[in-house]
C-alpha atoms as a PDB file:
ATOM      1  CA  UNK A   1     -27.290  -7.796  18.778  1.00  0.00           C
ATOM      2  CA  UNK A   2     -25.081  -4.778  18.065  1.00  0.00           C
ATOM      3  CA  UNK A   3     -23.794  -4.448  14.514  1.00  0.00           C
ATOM      4  CA  UNK A   4     -20.203  -3.778  15.560  1.00  0.00           C
ATOM      5  CA  UNK A   5     -18.980  -3.100  12.017  1.00  0.00           C
ATOM      6  CA  UNK A   6     -21.430  -0.206  11.820  1.00  0.00           C
ATOM      7  CA  UNK A   7     -21.275   0.991  15.436  1.00  0.00           C
ATOM      8  CA  UNK A   8     -19.133   4.089  15.765  1.00  0.00           C
ATOM      9  CA  UNK A   9     -17.736   3.702  12.256  1.00  0.00           C
ATOM     10  CA  UNK A  10     -14.813   1.706  13.641  1.00  0.00           C
ATOM     11  CA  UNK A  11     -13.232  -1.227  11.822  1.00  0.00           C
ATOM     12  CA  UNK A  12     -13.891  -4.508  13.611  1.00  0.00           C
ATOM     13  CA  UNK A  13     -11.538  -6.879  11.858  1.00  0.00           C
ATOM     14  CA  UNK A  14     -11.464 -10.243  13.610  1.00  0.00           C
ATOM     15  CA  UNK A  15      -8.752 -11.866  11.531  1.00  0.00           C
ATOM     16  CA  UNK A  16     -11.083 -14.610  10.281  1.00  0.00           C
ATOM     17  CA  UNK A  17     -10.868 -13.804   6.577  1.00  0.00           C
ATOM     18  CA  UNK A  18      -9.166 -16.466   4.490  1.00  0.00           C
ATOM     19  CA  UNK A  19      -8.488 -16.694   0.801  1.00  0.00           C
ATOM     20  CA  UNK A  20      -5.972 -18.156  -1.609  1.00  0.00           C
ATOM     21  CA  UNK A  21      -3.584 -16.141  -3.745  1.00  0.00           C
ATOM     22  CA  UNK A  22      -1.167 -17.013  -6.500  1.00  0.00           C
ATOM     23  CA  UNK A  23       2.438 -17.183  -5.277  1.00  0.00           C
ATOM     24  CA  UNK A  24       5.273 -16.754  -7.756  1.00  0.00           C
ATOM     25  CA  UNK A  25       8.566 -17.985  -6.256  1.00  0.00           C
ATOM     26  CA  UNK A  26      11.900 -17.273  -7.904  1.00  0.00           C
ATOM     27  CA  UNK A  27      15.524 -17.796  -6.921  1.00  0.00           C
ATOM     28  CA  UNK A  28      17.095 -14.595  -5.597  1.00  0.00           C
ATOM     29  CA  UNK A  29      20.366 -13.428  -7.177  1.00  0.00           C
ATOM     30  CA  UNK A  30      22.012 -13.193  -3.758  1.00  0.00           C
ATOM     31  CA  UNK A  31      20.811 -16.667  -2.781  1.00  0.00           C
ATOM     32  CA  UNK A  32      17.596 -17.921  -1.266  1.00  0.00           C
ATOM     33  CA  UNK A  33      14.211 -17.162  -2.784  1.00  0.00           C
ATOM     34  CA  UNK A  34      11.764 -14.323  -3.169  1.00  0.00           C
ATOM     35  CA  UNK A  35       8.031 -14.568  -3.747  1.00  0.00           C
ATOM     36  CA  UNK A  36       5.189 -12.279  -4.759  1.00  0.00           C
ATOM     37  CA  UNK A  37       1.459 -12.399  -5.468  1.00  0.00           C
ATOM     38  CA  UNK A  38       0.262 -10.867  -8.732  1.00  0.00           C
ATOM     39  CA  UNK A  39      -3.071 -10.110  -7.022  1.00  0.00           C
ATOM     40  CA  UNK A  40      -1.410  -7.893  -4.386  1.00  0.00           C
ATOM     41  CA  UNK A  41       1.196  -5.620  -5.948  1.00  0.00           C
ATOM     42  CA  UNK A  42       3.705  -4.434  -3.372  1.00  0.00           C
ATOM     43  CA  UNK A  43       3.491  -7.498  -1.134  1.00  0.00           C
ATOM     44  CA  UNK A  44       6.462  -9.839  -1.386  1.00  0.00           C
ATOM     45  CA  UNK A  45       8.428 -12.259   0.735  1.00  0.00           C
ATOM     46  CA  UNK A  46      11.920 -13.637   0.916  1.00  0.00           C
ATOM     47  CA  UNK A  47      13.705 -16.485   2.643  1.00  0.00           C
ATOM     48  CA  UNK A  48      16.543 -18.952   2.520  1.00  0.00           C
ATOM     49  CA  UNK A  49      14.082 -21.709   1.522  1.00  0.00           C
ATOM     50  CA  UNK A  50      10.907 -21.724  -0.571  1.00  0.00           C
ATOM     51  CA  UNK A  51       8.886 -22.411   2.599  1.00  0.00           C
ATOM     52  CA  UNK A  52      10.416 -19.390   4.373  1.00  0.00           C
ATOM     53  CA  UNK A  53       9.717 -17.185   1.342  1.00  0.00           C
ATOM     54  CA  UNK A  54       6.087 -18.363   1.250  1.00  0.00           C
ATOM     55  CA  UNK A  55       5.644 -17.793   5.000  1.00  0.00           C
ATOM     56  CA  UNK A  56       7.083 -14.291   4.648  1.00  0.00           C
ATOM     57  CA  UNK A  57       4.824 -13.665   1.648  1.00  0.00           C
ATOM     58  CA  UNK A  58       1.739 -14.793   3.579  1.00  0.00           C
ATOM     59  CA  UNK A  59       2.587 -12.320   6.367  1.00  0.00           C
ATOM     60  CA  UNK A  60       3.124  -9.531   3.806  1.00  0.00           C
ATOM     61  CA  UNK A  61      -0.186 -10.346   2.081  1.00  0.00           C
ATOM     62  CA  UNK A  62      -2.072 -10.205   5.376  1.00  0.00           C
ATOM     63  CA  UNK A  63      -0.434  -6.892   6.256  1.00  0.00           C
ATOM     64  CA  UNK A  64      -1.244  -5.449   2.816  1.00  0.00           C
ATOM     65  CA  UNK A  65      -4.892  -6.541   3.001  1.00  0.00           C
ATOM     66  CA  UNK A  66      -5.252  -5.097   6.503  1.00  0.00           C
ATOM     67  CA  UNK A  67      -3.691  -1.794   5.399  1.00  0.00           C
ATOM     68  CA  UNK A  68      -5.883  -1.547   2.291  1.00  0.00           C
ATOM     69  CA  UNK A  69      -9.028  -2.353   4.297  1.00  0.00           C
ATOM     70  CA  UNK A  70      -8.213   0.104   7.079  1.00  0.00           C
ATOM     71  CA  UNK A  71      -7.355   2.907   4.635  1.00  0.00           C
ATOM     72  CA  UNK A  72     -10.555   2.254   2.678  1.00  0.00           C
ATOM     73  CA  UNK A  73     -12.647   2.363   5.840  1.00  0.00           C
ATOM     74  CA  UNK A  74     -11.086   5.703   6.841  1.00  0.00           C
ATOM     75  CA  UNK A  75     -12.163   7.196   3.484  1.00  0.00           C
ATOM     76  CA  UNK A  76     -15.790   6.041   3.811  1.00  0.00           C
ATOM     77  CA  UNK A  77     -18.404   8.705   4.453  1.00  0.00           C
ATOM     78  CA  UNK A  78     -20.195   8.934   7.799  1.00  0.00           C
ATOM     79  CA  UNK A  79     -23.352   7.554   6.170  1.00  0.00           C
ATOM     80  CA  UNK A  80     -21.673   4.548   4.568  1.00  0.00           C
ATOM     81  CA  UNK A  81     -22.638   1.084   5.760  1.00  0.00           C
ATOM     82  CA  UNK A  82     -19.974  -1.578   5.875  1.00  0.00           C
ATOM     83  CA  UNK A  83     -20.856  -5.016   4.520  1.00  0.00           C
ATOM     84  CA  UNK A  84     -18.930  -8.174   3.720  1.00  0.00           C
ATOM     85  CA  UNK A  85     -18.604  -9.737   0.287  1.00  0.00           C
ATOM     86  CA  UNK A  86     -17.510 -13.363   0.291  1.00  0.00           C
ATOM     87  CA  UNK A  87     -15.782 -14.485  -2.871  1.00  0.00           C
ATOM     88  CA  UNK A  88     -15.060 -18.124  -3.484  1.00  0.00           C
ATOM     89  CA  UNK A  89     -15.877 -21.226  -5.378  1.00  0.00           C
ATOM     90  CA  UNK A  90     -18.775 -22.137  -3.094  1.00  0.00           C
ATOM     91  CA  UNK A  91     -21.154 -20.190  -5.318  1.00  0.00           C
ATOM     92  CA  UNK A  92     -20.327 -21.719  -8.703  1.00  0.00           C
ATOM     93  CA  UNK A  93     -23.246 -21.994 -11.097  1.00  0.00           C
ATOM     94  CA  UNK A  94     -23.898 -24.959 -13.376  1.00  0.00           C
ATOM     95  CA  UNK A  95     -22.203 -23.024 -16.192  1.00  0.00           C
ATOM     96  CA  UNK A  96     -19.041 -22.673 -14.111  1.00  0.00           C
ATOM     97  CA  UNK A  97     -19.453 -18.963 -13.331  1.00  0.00           C
ATOM     98  CA  UNK A  98     -18.354 -18.016  -9.833  1.00  0.00           C
ATOM     99  CA  UNK A  99     -20.859 -15.675  -8.180  1.00  0.00           C
ATOM    100  CA  UNK A 100     -19.909 -13.656  -5.084  1.00  0.00           C
ATOM    101  CA  UNK A 101     -22.254 -13.843  -2.135  1.00  0.00           C
ATOM    102  CA  UNK A 102     -23.058 -10.780  -0.037  1.00  0.00           C
ATOM    103  CA  UNK A 103     -23.763 -10.931   3.668  1.00  0.00           C
ATOM    104  CA  UNK A 104     -24.139  -8.141   6.201  1.00  0.00           C
ATOM    105  CA  UNK A 105     -21.582  -8.164   8.945  1.00  0.00           C
END
């Protein structure tokens, strides 16, 4: 099997990454709502309803993550190996500490 993430140094994003972010939603002065994620400065959304603002925020978050990933990959050296780090609550220890898991991709 070809390791596509490594082959040719090209990014092979499949769009399968999922995660949850904090959304702060506030009324906009001009009407409607605006939303942002403290974890992703610069990404925000707006809409006439809270749902529209959250949908717009989700699209902005995905765009920001894609941009950050692609820019980071461009800066990697020719000898760098790309791997995936999964972060989530599936690796919580008995003491409640969340440990990231690392898997080659």
